[in-house]
Amino acid sequence: MTIKELLVEEIETTPSEILEDIFSFLKLVKTTPMQNLSTYKELLERIDYLEAIVGIRKGLEEYDRGEGILANPALATLQHKLGIPLRP
């Protein structure tokens, strides 16, 4: 599922009052970004969080389709690629 699809799904399931609050907030940030720097940083943190959720959902969907790989082989591959020494 793409970020756009997840966003549309979230919008469809979010109550109108919350969407109106979000819209008002975005308009405020757009018109006075420097005065709301801490709020803008908070928004960026929330976007980062949502991107993490999207990544986790994609990974779970891949796993459900049988496309995932086990942790040990994945970690061994990363260890080899990145030159991480074996633990004693």
N, C-alpha and C. Protein backbone atom coordinates (compact mmCIF):
# COMPACT_ATOMS: atom_id res chain seq x y z
N MET A 1 0.85 -1.18 0.00
CA MET A 1 0.00 0.00 0.00
C MET A 1 0.90 1.24 0.00
N THR A 2 0.61 2.19 -0.86
CA THR A 2 1.43 3.39 -0.95
C THR A 2 1.07 4.37 0.16
N ILE A 3 1.93 5.37 0.35
CA ILE A 3 1.66 6.41 1.34
C ILE A 3 0.37 7.13 1.00
N LYS A 4 0.17 7.39 -0.29
CA LYS A 4 -1.05 8.07 -0.72
C LYS A 4 -2.28 7.24 -0.36
N GLU A 5 -2.24 5.94 -0.62
CA GLU A 5 -3.38 5.07 -0.31
C GLU A 5 -3.64 5.03 1.19
N LEU A 6 -2.56 4.96 1.99
CA LEU A 6 -2.73 4.96 3.44
C LEU A 6 -3.31 6.29 3.93
N LEU A 7 -2.86 7.37 3.33
CA LEU A 7 -3.38 8.68 3.70
C LEU A 7 -4.86 8.79 3.38
N VAL A 8 -5.25 8.34 2.20
CA VAL A 8 -6.67 8.37 1.82
C VAL A 8 -7.48 7.50 2.78
N GLU A 9 -6.95 6.33 3.12
CA GLU A 9 -7.64 5.43 4.06
C GLU A 9 -7.81 6.11 5.42
N GLU A 10 -6.75 6.79 5.90
CA GLU A 10 -6.82 7.48 7.18
C GLU A 10 -7.83 8.61 7.13
N ILE A 11 -7.84 9.37 6.03
CA ILE A 11 -8.79 10.48 5.90
C ILE A 11 -10.22 9.97 5.91
N GLU A 12 -10.46 8.87 5.23
CA GLU A 12 -11.82 8.32 5.16
C GLU A 12 -12.31 7.83 6.52
N THR A 13 -11.40 7.41 7.39
CA THR A 13 -11.81 6.86 8.69
C THR A 13 -11.67 7.86 9.84
N THR A 14 -11.16 9.06 9.55
CA THR A 14 -10.97 10.08 10.59
C THR A 14 -12.21 10.96 10.69
N PRO A 15 -12.68 11.21 11.92
CA PRO A 15 -13.85 12.07 12.08
C PRO A 15 -13.62 13.47 11.51
N SER A 16 -14.68 14.08 11.00
CA SER A 16 -14.60 15.39 10.36
C SER A 16 -14.01 16.46 11.28
N GLU A 17 -14.33 16.41 12.57
CA GLU A 17 -13.84 17.42 13.50
C GLU A 17 -12.31 17.41 13.55
N ILE A 18 -11.73 16.22 13.56
CA ILE A 18 -10.28 16.11 13.62
C ILE A 18 -9.67 16.61 12.31
N LEU A 19 -10.29 16.25 11.19
CA LEU A 19 -9.78 16.73 9.91
C LEU A 19 -9.82 18.25 9.83
N GLU A 20 -10.88 18.85 10.37
CA GLU A 20 -10.98 20.31 10.36
C GLU A 20 -9.88 20.93 11.22
N ASP A 21 -9.59 20.30 12.37
CA ASP A 21 -8.50 20.79 13.22
C ASP A 21 -7.16 20.70 12.50
N ILE A 22 -6.93 19.59 11.81
CA ILE A 22 -5.69 19.41 11.08
C ILE A 22 -5.57 20.45 9.96
N PHE A 23 -6.65 20.66 9.24
CA PHE A 23 -6.65 21.64 8.16
C PHE A 23 -6.36 23.04 8.70
N SER A 24 -6.98 23.39 9.81
CA SER A 24 -6.73 24.70 10.43
C SER A 24 -5.27 24.83 10.84
N PHE A 25 -4.74 23.78 11.41
CA PHE A 25 -3.34 23.78 11.83
C PHE A 25 -2.41 23.98 10.63
N LEU A 26 -2.67 23.26 9.54
CA LEU A 26 -1.83 23.37 8.34
C LEU A 26 -1.91 24.78 7.75
N LYS A 27 -3.10 25.38 7.75
CA LYS A 27 -3.23 26.74 7.26
C LYS A 27 -2.43 27.70 8.13
N LEU A 28 -2.45 27.49 9.44
CA LEU A 28 -1.71 28.34 10.36
C LEU A 28 -0.20 28.21 10.11
N VAL A 29 0.28 27.00 9.96
CA VAL A 29 1.70 26.77 9.72
C VAL A 29 2.11 27.40 8.39
N LYS A 30 1.26 27.29 7.39
CA LYS A 30 1.58 27.85 6.07
C LYS A 30 1.67 29.38 6.12
N THR A 31 0.79 30.02 6.87
CA THR A 31 0.76 31.48 6.87
C THR A 31 1.82 32.09 7.78
N THR A 32 2.18 31.42 8.88
CA THR A 32 3.16 31.96 9.82
C THR A 32 4.14 30.88 10.26
N PRO A 33 4.96 30.34 9.36
CA PRO A 33 5.83 29.22 9.72
C PRO A 33 6.89 29.54 10.76
N MET A 34 7.47 30.73 10.75
CA MET A 34 8.53 31.04 11.70
C MET A 34 8.00 31.25 13.12
N GLN A 35 6.78 31.71 13.24
CA GLN A 35 6.21 31.92 14.56
C GLN A 35 5.79 30.60 15.19
N ASN A 36 5.65 29.57 14.39
CA ASN A 36 5.20 28.29 14.90
C ASN A 36 6.26 27.21 14.69
N LEU A 37 7.52 27.57 14.93
CA LEU A 37 8.61 26.65 14.65
C LEU A 37 8.50 25.37 15.47
N SER A 38 8.15 25.46 16.74
CA SER A 38 8.05 24.24 17.55
C SER A 38 6.89 23.37 17.06
N THR A 39 5.81 23.99 16.64
CA THR A 39 4.68 23.23 16.11
C THR A 39 5.07 22.58 14.79
N TYR A 40 5.84 23.29 13.98
CA TYR A 40 6.31 22.75 12.71
C TYR A 40 7.22 21.55 12.95
N LYS A 41 8.10 21.65 13.93
CA LYS A 41 8.98 20.52 14.27
C LYS A 41 8.15 19.32 14.74
N GLU A 42 7.12 19.60 15.52
CA GLU A 42 6.24 18.53 15.98
C GLU A 42 5.55 17.85 14.79
N LEU A 43 5.13 18.64 13.82
CA LEU A 43 4.51 18.10 12.62
C LEU A 43 5.49 17.20 11.87
N LEU A 44 6.74 17.64 11.75
CA LEU A 44 7.75 16.82 11.08
C LEU A 44 7.98 15.50 11.82
N GLU A 45 7.97 15.55 13.14
CA GLU A 45 8.12 14.33 13.93
C GLU A 45 6.95 13.37 13.69
N ARG A 46 5.76 13.92 13.59
CA ARG A 46 4.59 13.08 13.32
C ARG A 46 4.66 12.47 11.92
N ILE A 47 5.16 13.24 10.97
CA ILE A 47 5.32 12.71 9.61
C ILE A 47 6.33 11.56 9.63
N ASP A 48 7.44 11.73 10.35
CA ASP A 48 8.43 10.66 10.48
C ASP A 48 7.80 9.41 11.08
N TYR A 49 6.97 9.62 12.11
CA TYR A 49 6.28 8.50 12.76
C TYR A 49 5.36 7.78 11.76
N LEU A 50 4.61 8.55 11.00
CA LEU A 50 3.70 7.96 10.02
C LEU A 50 4.46 7.20 8.93
N GLU A 51 5.61 7.74 8.52
CA GLU A 51 6.43 7.03 7.54
C GLU A 51 6.92 5.71 8.09
N ALA A 52 7.25 5.68 9.38
CA ALA A 52 7.67 4.42 10.01
C ALA A 52 6.51 3.43 10.02
N ILE A 53 5.32 3.90 10.33
CA ILE A 53 4.14 3.03 10.34
C ILE A 53 3.89 2.46 8.95
N VAL A 54 4.03 3.30 7.92
CA VAL A 54 3.85 2.84 6.54
C VAL A 54 4.85 1.75 6.23
N GLY A 55 6.11 1.95 6.61
CA GLY A 55 7.13 0.94 6.37
C GLY A 55 6.83 -0.37 7.08
N ILE A 56 6.38 -0.28 8.30
CA ILE A 56 6.03 -1.49 9.06
C ILE A 56 4.86 -2.20 8.40
N ARG A 57 3.85 -1.45 7.99
CA ARG A 57 2.69 -2.07 7.33
C ARG A 57 3.10 -2.75 6.03
N LYS A 58 3.96 -2.10 5.26
CA LYS A 58 4.43 -2.71 4.01
C LYS A 58 5.17 -4.01 4.31
N GLY A 59 6.02 -3.98 5.31
CA GLY A 59 6.75 -5.19 5.70
C GLY A 59 5.82 -6.31 6.12
N LEU A 60 4.80 -5.98 6.88
CA LEU A 60 3.83 -7.00 7.32
C LEU A 60 3.04 -7.56 6.14
N GLU A 61 2.68 -6.68 5.20
CA GLU A 61 1.97 -7.14 4.01
C GLU A 61 2.85 -8.09 3.18
N GLU A 62 4.13 -7.74 3.04
CA GLU A 62 5.06 -8.61 2.31
C GLU A 62 5.19 -9.94 3.01
N TYR A 63 5.27 -9.92 4.33
CA TYR A 63 5.38 -11.16 5.11
C TYR A 63 4.14 -12.02 4.91
N ASP A 64 2.97 -11.39 4.95
CA ASP A 64 1.72 -12.13 4.74
C ASP A 64 1.66 -12.79 3.37
N ARG A 65 2.29 -12.15 2.38
CA ARG A 65 2.33 -12.73 1.02
C ARG A 65 3.46 -13.74 0.86
N GLY A 66 4.22 -13.96 1.93
CA GLY A 66 5.32 -14.91 1.88
C GLY A 66 6.57 -14.37 1.21
N GLU A 67 6.68 -13.05 1.13
CA GLU A 67 7.82 -12.43 0.46
C GLU A 67 8.95 -12.08 1.42
N GLY A 68 8.75 -12.21 2.69
CA GLY A 68 9.76 -11.81 3.66
C GLY A 68 10.86 -12.84 3.79
N ILE A 69 11.94 -12.44 4.46
CA ILE A 69 13.01 -13.39 4.77
C ILE A 69 13.18 -13.44 6.28
N LEU A 70 13.72 -14.55 6.75
CA LEU A 70 13.91 -14.72 8.19
C LEU A 70 14.96 -13.75 8.71
N ALA A 71 14.88 -13.44 10.00
CA ALA A 71 15.77 -12.44 10.60
C ALA A 71 17.24 -12.87 10.54
N ASN A 72 17.54 -14.12 10.88
CA ASN A 72 18.94 -14.54 10.92
C ASN A 72 19.63 -14.43 9.56
N PRO A 73 19.02 -14.91 8.47
CA PRO A 73 19.68 -14.71 7.17
C PRO A 73 19.80 -13.22 6.78
N ALA A 74 18.79 -12.45 7.12
CA ALA A 74 18.83 -11.02 6.80
C ALA A 74 19.96 -10.34 7.57
N LEU A 75 20.08 -10.65 8.86
CA LEU A 75 21.13 -10.05 9.67
C LEU A 75 22.51 -10.50 9.21
N ALA A 76 22.64 -11.78 8.82
CA ALA A 76 23.92 -12.28 8.31
C ALA A 76 24.31 -11.55 7.02
N THR A 77 23.34 -11.30 6.15
CA THR A 77 23.61 -10.58 4.91
C THR A 77 24.07 -9.16 5.21
N LEU A 78 23.38 -8.48 6.11
CA LEU A 78 23.76 -7.12 6.49
C LEU A 78 25.15 -7.10 7.14
N GLN A 79 25.39 -8.09 7.98
CA GLN A 79 26.69 -8.17 8.66
C GLN A 79 27.81 -8.31 7.63
N HIS A 80 27.59 -9.15 6.63
CA HIS A 80 28.59 -9.35 5.58
C HIS A 80 28.75 -8.08 4.73
N LYS A 81 27.63 -7.49 4.32
CA LYS A 81 27.66 -6.28 3.48
C LYS A 81 28.36 -5.12 4.16
N LEU A 82 28.09 -4.96 5.45
CA LEU A 82 28.61 -3.80 6.18
C LEU A 82 29.93 -4.07 6.88
N GLY A 83 30.42 -5.31 6.76
CA GLY A 83 31.70 -5.65 7.36
C GLY A 83 31.68 -5.65 8.88
N ILE A 84 30.59 -6.03 9.47
CA ILE A 84 30.46 -6.09 10.93
C ILE A 84 31.07 -7.40 11.39
N PRO A 85 32.03 -7.36 12.33
CA PRO A 85 32.66 -8.60 12.78
C PRO A 85 31.69 -9.47 13.59
N LEU A 86 31.94 -10.77 13.56
CA LEU A 86 31.13 -11.70 14.33
C LEU A 86 31.32 -11.45 15.82
N ARG A 87 30.29 -11.69 16.58
CA ARG A 87 30.40 -11.58 18.03
C ARG A 87 31.04 -12.84 18.58
N PRO A 88 31.88 -12.69 19.61
CA PRO A 88 32.52 -13.89 20.21
C PRO A 88 31.53 -14.75 20.95
